Amino acid sequence: QDKKITLICFGTCHISDKNITVLNLSEKSDPEQAALHLFKFLRMADENETELVICGFVPDTGLGRAINDRIRRAAAKA
């Protein structure tokens, strides 16, 4: 409960909690925009001393496959 959390989402995301920082890869659900933001947001979470990062997947088609692969690889290193 008291952990500093970063939630990385895609598309519609409505979370309001003082312990949760919400970063949206693309509010417009644009995979290209999501790809540009993913590593930047992961670095931001690391720099903010986040204790837990929650990152949802994007639709697993086209560029989304590559984004989801990067998310899986980042989770495996954690």
PDB file of N, CA and C in Angstrom:
ATOM      1  N   GLN A   1       0.805  -1.208   0.000  1.00  0.00           N
ATOM      2  CA  GLN A   1       0.000   0.000   0.000  1.00  0.00           C
ATOM      3  C   GLN A   1       0.841   1.263   0.000  1.00  0.00           C
ATOM      4  N   ASP A   2       1.916   1.257   0.717  1.00  0.00           N
ATOM      5  CA  ASP A   2       2.722   2.471   0.821  1.00  0.00           C
ATOM      6  C   ASP A   2       3.860   2.519  -0.180  1.00  0.00           C
ATOM      7  N   LYS A   3       3.871   1.621  -1.138  1.00  0.00           N
ATOM      8  CA  LYS A   3       4.928   1.614  -2.144  1.00  0.00           C
ATOM      9  C   LYS A   3       4.705   2.709  -3.170  1.00  0.00           C
ATOM     10  N   LYS A   4       5.811   3.211  -3.683  1.00  0.00           N
ATOM     11  CA  LYS A   4       5.757   4.188  -4.767  1.00  0.00           C
ATOM     12  C   LYS A   4       5.602   3.407  -6.071  1.00  0.00           C
ATOM     13  N   ILE A   5       4.487   3.611  -6.763  1.00  0.00           N
ATOM     14  CA  ILE A   5       4.127   2.826  -7.936  1.00  0.00           C
ATOM     15  C   ILE A   5       4.059   3.717  -9.168  1.00  0.00           C
ATOM     16  N   THR A   6       4.548   3.189 -10.284  1.00  0.00           N
ATOM     17  CA  THR A   6       4.362   3.838 -11.576  1.00  0.00           C
ATOM     18  C   THR A   6       3.539   2.900 -12.443  1.00  0.00           C
ATOM     19  N   LEU A   7       2.447   3.406 -12.975  1.00  0.00           N
ATOM     20  CA  LEU A   7       1.583   2.655 -13.878  1.00  0.00           C
ATOM     21  C   LEU A   7       1.790   3.199 -15.284  1.00  0.00           C
ATOM     22  N   ILE A   8       2.235   2.334 -16.178  1.00  0.00           N
ATOM     23  CA  ILE A   8       2.414   2.718 -17.579  1.00  0.00           C
ATOM     24  C   ILE A   8       1.275   2.072 -18.364  1.00  0.00           C
ATOM     25  N   CYS A   9       0.420   2.915 -18.939  1.00  0.00           N
ATOM     26  CA  CYS A   9      -0.767   2.399 -19.615  1.00  0.00           C
ATOM     27  C   CYS A   9      -0.786   2.848 -21.070  1.00  0.00           C
ATOM     28  N   PHE A  10      -1.791   2.391 -21.783  1.00  0.00           N
ATOM     29  CA  PHE A  10      -1.948   2.674 -23.206  1.00  0.00           C
ATOM     30  C   PHE A  10      -3.419   2.905 -23.473  1.00  0.00           C
ATOM     31  N   GLY A  11      -3.754   4.027 -24.081  1.00  0.00           N
ATOM     32  CA  GLY A  11      -5.161   4.328 -24.340  1.00  0.00           C
ATOM     33  C   GLY A  11      -5.809   4.955 -23.119  1.00  0.00           C
ATOM     34  N   THR A  12      -7.045   4.601 -22.870  1.00  0.00           N
ATOM     35  CA  THR A  12      -7.789   5.170 -21.756  1.00  0.00           C
ATOM     36  C   THR A  12      -7.289   4.620 -20.432  1.00  0.00           C
ATOM     37  N   CYS A  13      -7.004   5.509 -19.505  1.00  0.00           N
ATOM     38  CA  CYS A  13      -6.491   5.099 -18.198  1.00  0.00           C
ATOM     39  C   CYS A  13      -6.859   6.166 -17.175  1.00  0.00           C
ATOM     40  N   HIS A  14      -7.708   5.821 -16.245  1.00  0.00           N
ATOM     41  CA  HIS A  14      -8.150   6.776 -15.229  1.00  0.00           C
ATOM     42  C   HIS A  14      -7.861   6.212 -13.846  1.00  0.00           C
ATOM     43  N   ILE A  15      -6.747   6.605 -13.291  1.00  0.00           N
ATOM     44  CA  ILE A  15      -6.346   6.171 -11.959  1.00  0.00           C
ATOM     45  C   ILE A  15      -5.988   7.433 -11.174  1.00  0.00           C
ATOM     46  N   SER A  16      -6.458   7.509  -9.960  1.00  0.00           N
ATOM     47  CA  SER A  16      -6.126   8.655  -9.122  1.00  0.00           C
ATOM     48  C   SER A  16      -5.769   8.149  -7.734  1.00  0.00           C
ATOM     49  N   ASP A  17      -4.496   8.176  -7.434  1.00  0.00           N
ATOM     50  CA  ASP A  17      -4.008   7.722  -6.141  1.00  0.00           C
ATOM     51  C   ASP A  17      -2.694   8.437  -5.875  1.00  0.00           C
ATOM     52  N   LYS A  18      -2.493   8.915  -4.670  1.00  0.00           N
ATOM     53  CA  LYS A  18      -1.294   9.695  -4.364  1.00  0.00           C
ATOM     54  C   LYS A  18      -0.009   8.885  -4.482  1.00  0.00           C
ATOM     55  N   ASN A  19      -0.087   7.567  -4.353  1.00  0.00           N
ATOM     56  CA  ASN A  19       1.103   6.730  -4.439  1.00  0.00           C
ATOM     57  C   ASN A  19       1.377   6.221  -5.849  1.00  0.00           C
ATOM     58  N   ILE A  20       0.496   6.539  -6.790  1.00  0.00           N
ATOM     59  CA  ILE A  20       0.635   6.013  -8.149  1.00  0.00           C
ATOM     60  C   ILE A  20       0.881   7.154  -9.133  1.00  0.00           C
ATOM     61  N   THR A  21       1.992   7.036  -9.857  1.00  0.00           N
ATOM     62  CA  THR A  21       2.278   7.943 -10.952  1.00  0.00           C
ATOM     63  C   THR A  21       1.805   7.258 -12.229  1.00  0.00           C
ATOM     64  N   VAL A  22       0.933   7.916 -12.979  1.00  0.00           N
ATOM     65  CA  VAL A  22       0.398   7.337 -14.204  1.00  0.00           C
ATOM     66  C   VAL A  22       1.088   7.977 -15.407  1.00  0.00           C
ATOM     67  N   LEU A  23       1.650   7.125 -16.253  1.00  0.00           N
ATOM     68  CA  LEU A  23       2.279   7.571 -17.494  1.00  0.00           C
ATOM     69  C   LEU A  23       1.580   6.850 -18.639  1.00  0.00           C
ATOM     70  N   ASN A  24       1.044   7.598 -19.578  1.00  0.00           N
ATOM     71  CA  ASN A  24       0.283   7.007 -20.674  1.00  0.00           C
ATOM     72  C   ASN A  24       1.134   6.995 -21.939  1.00  0.00           C
ATOM     73  N   LEU A  25       1.408   5.797 -22.436  1.00  0.00           N
ATOM     74  CA  LEU A  25       2.215   5.659 -23.649  1.00  0.00           C
ATOM     75  C   LEU A  25       1.594   6.399 -24.821  1.00  0.00           C
ATOM     76  N   SER A  26       0.263   6.356 -24.919  1.00  0.00           N
ATOM     77  CA  SER A  26      -0.443   7.083 -25.972  1.00  0.00           C
ATOM     78  C   SER A  26      -1.925   7.127 -25.633  1.00  0.00           C
ATOM     79  N   GLU A  27      -2.414   8.289 -25.280  1.00  0.00           N
ATOM     80  CA  GLU A  27      -3.843   8.435 -24.997  1.00  0.00           C
ATOM     81  C   GLU A  27      -4.678   8.169 -26.238  1.00  0.00           C
ATOM     82  N   LYS A  28      -4.089   8.363 -27.430  1.00  0.00           N
ATOM     83  CA  LYS A  28      -4.790   8.145 -28.696  1.00  0.00           C
ATOM     84  C   LYS A  28      -4.661   6.700 -29.172  1.00  0.00           C
ATOM     85  N   SER A  29      -4.039   5.850 -28.349  1.00  0.00           N
ATOM     86  CA  SER A  29      -3.799   4.441 -28.714  1.00  0.00           C
ATOM     87  C   SER A  29      -2.984   4.314 -29.996  1.00  0.00           C
ATOM     88  N   ASP A  30      -1.980   5.164 -30.138  1.00  0.00           N
ATOM     89  CA  ASP A  30      -1.111   5.176 -31.311  1.00  0.00           C
ATOM     90  C   ASP A  30       0.161   4.377 -31.006  1.00  0.00           C
ATOM     91  N   PRO A  31       0.372   3.224 -31.637  1.00  0.00           N
ATOM     92  CA  PRO A  31       1.549   2.404 -31.355  1.00  0.00           C
ATOM     93  C   PRO A  31       2.879   3.127 -31.611  1.00  0.00           C
ATOM     94  N   GLU A  32       2.939   3.985 -32.623  1.00  0.00           N
ATOM     95  CA  GLU A  32       4.186   4.707 -32.891  1.00  0.00           C
ATOM     96  C   GLU A  32       4.525   5.643 -31.744  1.00  0.00           C
ATOM     97  N   GLN A  33       3.532   6.331 -31.234  1.00  0.00           N
ATOM     98  CA  GLN A  33       3.745   7.210 -30.086  1.00  0.00           C
ATOM     99  C   GLN A  33       4.138   6.383 -28.864  1.00  0.00           C
ATOM    100  N   ALA A  34       3.506   5.235 -28.684  1.00  0.00           N
ATOM    101  CA  ALA A  34       3.825   4.354 -27.558  1.00  0.00           C
ATOM    102  C   ALA A  34       5.272   3.892 -27.626  1.00  0.00           C
ATOM    103  N   ALA A  35       5.731   3.534 -28.813  1.00  0.00           N
ATOM    104  CA  ALA A  35       7.107   3.075 -28.986  1.00  0.00           C
ATOM    105  C   ALA A  35       8.098   4.183 -28.607  1.00  0.00           C
ATOM    106  N   LEU A  36       7.779   5.408 -28.955  1.00  0.00           N
ATOM    107  CA  LEU A  36       8.654   6.538 -28.621  1.00  0.00           C
ATOM    108  C   LEU A  36       8.727   6.773 -27.114  1.00  0.00           C
ATOM    109  N   HIS A  37       7.652   6.507 -26.400  1.00  0.00           N
ATOM    110  CA  HIS A  37       7.592   6.816 -24.975  1.00  0.00           C
ATOM    111  C   HIS A  37       8.046   5.697 -24.051  1.00  0.00           C
ATOM    112  N   LEU A  38       8.029   4.455 -24.505  1.00  0.00           N
ATOM    113  CA  LEU A  38       8.244   3.326 -23.602  1.00  0.00           C
ATOM    114  C   LEU A  38       9.536   3.438 -22.791  1.00  0.00           C
ATOM    115  N   PHE A  39      10.685   3.523 -23.436  1.00  0.00           N
ATOM    116  CA  PHE A  39      11.945   3.543 -22.690  1.00  0.00           C
ATOM    117  C   PHE A  39      12.099   4.821 -21.867  1.00  0.00           C
ATOM    118  N   LYS A  40      11.592   5.931 -22.394  1.00  0.00           N
ATOM    119  CA  LYS A  40      11.638   7.181 -21.629  1.00  0.00           C
ATOM    120  C   LYS A  40      10.867   7.022 -20.319  1.00  0.00           C
ATOM    121  N   PHE A  41       9.701   6.400 -20.381  1.00  0.00           N
ATOM    122  CA  PHE A  41       8.887   6.218 -19.182  1.00  0.00           C
ATOM    123  C   PHE A  41       9.524   5.226 -18.210  1.00  0.00           C
ATOM    124  N   LEU A  42      10.150   4.178 -18.740  1.00  0.00           N
ATOM    125  CA  LEU A  42      10.842   3.230 -17.858  1.00  0.00           C
ATOM    126  C   LEU A  42      12.013   3.907 -17.149  1.00  0.00           C
ATOM    127  N   ARG A  43      12.747   4.753 -17.857  1.00  0.00           N
ATOM    128  CA  ARG A  43      13.833   5.511 -17.230  1.00  0.00           C
ATOM    129  C   ARG A  43      13.289   6.469 -16.181  1.00  0.00           C
ATOM    130  N   MET A  44      12.177   7.140 -16.482  1.00  0.00           N
ATOM    131  CA  MET A  44      11.575   8.060 -15.516  1.00  0.00           C
ATOM    132  C   MET A  44      11.196   7.320 -14.243  1.00  0.00           C
ATOM    133  N   ALA A  45      10.607   6.144 -14.380  1.00  0.00           N
ATOM    134  CA  ALA A  45      10.226   5.357 -13.211  1.00  0.00           C
ATOM    135  C   ALA A  45      11.459   5.001 -12.391  1.00  0.00           C
ATOM    136  N   ASP A  46      12.534   4.645 -13.056  1.00  0.00           N
ATOM    137  CA  ASP A  46      13.774   4.302 -12.367  1.00  0.00           C
ATOM    138  C   ASP A  46      14.353   5.514 -11.649  1.00  0.00           C
ATOM    139  N   GLU A  47      14.365   6.656 -12.299  1.00  0.00           N
ATOM    140  CA  GLU A  47      14.906   7.878 -11.715  1.00  0.00           C
ATOM    141  C   GLU A  47      14.067   8.377 -10.542  1.00  0.00           C
ATOM    142  N   ASN A  48      12.770   8.095 -10.551  1.00  0.00           N
ATOM    143  CA  ASN A  48      11.870   8.526  -9.476  1.00  0.00           C
ATOM    144  C   ASN A  48      11.859   7.545  -8.306  1.00  0.00           C
ATOM    145  N   GLU A  49      12.760   6.552  -8.360  1.00  0.00           N
ATOM    146  CA  GLU A  49      12.872   5.550  -7.298  1.00  0.00           C
ATOM    147  C   GLU A  49      11.561   4.805  -7.079  1.00  0.00           C
ATOM    148  N   THR A  50      10.886   4.514  -8.160  1.00  0.00           N
ATOM    149  CA  THR A  50       9.661   3.723  -8.105  1.00  0.00           C
ATOM    150  C   THR A  50       9.991   2.343  -7.575  1.00  0.00           C
ATOM    151  N   GLU A  51       9.142   1.845  -6.684  1.00  0.00           N
ATOM    152  CA  GLU A  51       9.356   0.512  -6.120  1.00  0.00           C
ATOM    153  C   GLU A  51       8.663  -0.573  -6.939  1.00  0.00           C
ATOM    154  N   LEU A  52       7.607  -0.204  -7.657  1.00  0.00           N
ATOM    155  CA  LEU A  52       6.866  -1.164  -8.450  1.00  0.00           C
ATOM    156  C   LEU A  52       6.393  -0.489  -9.731  1.00  0.00           C
ATOM    157  N   VAL A  53       6.721  -1.100 -10.865  1.00  0.00           N
ATOM    158  CA  VAL A  53       6.251  -0.603 -12.165  1.00  0.00           C
ATOM    159  C   VAL A  53       5.239  -1.599 -12.693  1.00  0.00           C
ATOM    160  N   ILE A  54       4.078  -1.095 -13.044  1.00  0.00           N
ATOM    161  CA  ILE A  54       3.037  -1.912 -13.670  1.00  0.00           C
ATOM    162  C   ILE A  54       2.867  -1.373 -15.082  1.00  0.00           C
ATOM    163  N   CYS A  55       3.032  -2.263 -16.043  1.00  0.00           N
ATOM    164  CA  CYS A  55       2.951  -1.835 -17.440  1.00  0.00           C
ATOM    165  C   CYS A  55       2.056  -2.803 -18.199  1.00  0.00           C
ATOM    166  N   GLY A  56       1.001  -2.268 -18.764  1.00  0.00           N
ATOM    167  CA  GLY A  56       0.102  -3.090 -19.554  1.00  0.00           C
ATOM    168  C   GLY A  56       0.632  -3.265 -20.970  1.00  0.00           C
ATOM    169  N   PHE A  57       0.142  -4.281 -21.635  1.00  0.00           N
ATOM    170  CA  PHE A  57       0.522  -4.525 -23.016  1.00  0.00           C
ATOM    171  C   PHE A  57      -0.337  -3.685 -23.955  1.00  0.00           C
ATOM    172  N   VAL A  58       0.170  -3.501 -25.164  1.00  0.00           N
ATOM    173  CA  VAL A  58      -0.569  -2.830 -26.221  1.00  0.00           C
ATOM    174  C   VAL A  58      -1.132  -3.924 -27.128  1.00  0.00           C
ATOM    175  N   PRO A  59      -2.044  -3.600 -28.031  1.00  0.00           N
ATOM    176  CA  PRO A  59      -2.542  -4.630 -28.954  1.00  0.00           C
ATOM    177  C   PRO A  59      -1.373  -5.311 -29.679  1.00  0.00           C
ATOM    178  N   ASP A  60      -1.387  -6.626 -29.723  1.00  0.00           N
ATOM    179  CA  ASP A  60      -0.261  -7.424 -30.199  1.00  0.00           C
ATOM    180  C   ASP A  60      -0.281  -7.618 -31.717  1.00  0.00           C
ATOM    181  N   THR A  61      -0.347  -6.504 -32.441  1.00  0.00           N
ATOM    182  CA  THR A  61      -0.301  -6.541 -33.905  1.00  0.00           C
ATOM    183  C   THR A  61       0.691  -5.488 -34.384  1.00  0.00           C
ATOM    184  N   GLY A  62       1.337  -5.746 -35.492  1.00  0.00           N
ATOM    185  CA  GLY A  62       2.267  -4.779 -36.065  1.00  0.00           C
ATOM    186  C   GLY A  62       3.330  -4.343 -35.069  1.00  0.00           C
ATOM    187  N   LEU A  63       3.495  -3.043 -34.948  1.00  0.00           N
ATOM    188  CA  LEU A  63       4.479  -2.466 -34.032  1.00  0.00           C
ATOM    189  C   LEU A  63       4.207  -2.871 -32.587  1.00  0.00           C
ATOM    190  N   GLY A  64       2.964  -3.148 -32.269  1.00  0.00           N
ATOM    191  CA  GLY A  64       2.603  -3.570 -30.916  1.00  0.00           C
ATOM    192  C   GLY A  64       3.341  -4.821 -30.475  1.00  0.00           C
ATOM    193  N   ARG A  65       3.633  -5.720 -31.409  1.00  0.00           N
ATOM    194  CA  ARG A  65       4.391  -6.941 -31.064  1.00  0.00           C
ATOM    195  C   ARG A  65       5.773  -6.585 -30.539  1.00  0.00           C
ATOM    196  N   ALA A  66       6.431  -5.647 -31.198  1.00  0.00           N
ATOM    197  CA  ALA A  66       7.769  -5.237 -30.765  1.00  0.00           C
ATOM    198  C   ALA A  66       7.707  -4.529 -29.407  1.00  0.00           C
ATOM    199  N   ILE A  67       6.706  -3.696 -29.208  1.00  0.00           N
ATOM    200  CA  ILE A  67       6.555  -2.997 -27.932  1.00  0.00           C
ATOM    201  C   ILE A  67       6.331  -4.017 -26.814  1.00  0.00           C
ATOM    202  N   ASN A  68       5.441  -4.958 -27.037  1.00  0.00           N
ATOM    203  CA  ASN A  68       5.162  -5.975 -26.022  1.00  0.00           C
ATOM    204  C   ASN A  68       6.391  -6.826 -25.728  1.00  0.00           C
ATOM    205  N   ASP A  69       7.195  -7.114 -26.754  1.00  0.00           N
ATOM    206  CA  ASP A  69       8.435  -7.852 -26.547  1.00  0.00           C
ATOM    207  C   ASP A  69       9.360  -7.074 -25.623  1.00  0.00           C
ATOM    208  N   ARG A  70       9.475  -5.783 -25.836  1.00  0.00           N
ATOM    209  CA  ARG A  70      10.340  -4.946 -24.982  1.00  0.00           C
ATOM    210  C   ARG A  70       9.812  -4.903 -23.545  1.00  0.00           C
ATOM    211  N   ILE A  71       8.507  -4.856 -23.399  1.00  0.00           N
ATOM    212  CA  ILE A  71       7.917  -4.870 -22.059  1.00  0.00           C
ATOM    213  C   ILE A  71       8.256  -6.188 -21.358  1.00  0.00           C
ATOM    214  N   ARG A  72       8.123  -7.291 -22.065  1.00  0.00           N
ATOM    215  CA  ARG A  72       8.441  -8.615 -21.488  1.00  0.00           C
ATOM    216  C   ARG A  72       9.912  -8.691 -21.097  1.00  0.00           C
ATOM    217  N   ARG A  73      10.797  -8.182 -21.946  1.00  0.00           N
ATOM    218  CA  ARG A  73      12.231  -8.216 -21.646  1.00  0.00           C
ATOM    219  C   ARG A  73      12.563  -7.348 -20.429  1.00  0.00           C
ATOM    220  N   ALA A  74      11.936  -6.189 -20.336  1.00  0.00           N
ATOM    221  CA  ALA A  74      12.171  -5.330 -19.173  1.00  0.00           C
ATOM    222  C   ALA A  74      11.692  -6.012 -17.892  1.00  0.00           C
ATOM    223  N   ALA A  75      10.561  -6.695 -17.967  1.00  0.00           N
ATOM    224  CA  ALA A  75      10.024  -7.393 -16.788  1.00  0.00           C
ATOM    225  C   ALA A  75      10.943  -8.540 -16.380  1.00  0.00           C
ATOM    226  N   ALA A  76      11.556  -9.199 -17.354  1.00  0.00           N
ATOM    227  CA  ALA A  76      12.430 -10.337 -17.052  1.00  0.00           C
ATOM    228  C   ALA A  76      13.716  -9.878 -16.348  1.00  0.00           C
ATOM    229  N   LYS A  77      14.132  -8.644 -16.595  1.00  0.00           N
ATOM    230  CA  LYS A  77      15.349  -8.111 -15.971  1.00  0.00           C
ATOM    231  C   LYS A  77      15.093  -7.604 -14.553  1.00  0.00           C
ATOM    232  N   ALA A  78      13.844  -7.418 -14.215  1.00  0.00           N
ATOM    233  CA  ALA A  78      13.504  -6.840 -12.905  1.00  0.00           C
ATOM    234  C   ALA A  78      13.767  -7.810 -11.780  1.00  0.00           C
TER     235      ALA A  78
END
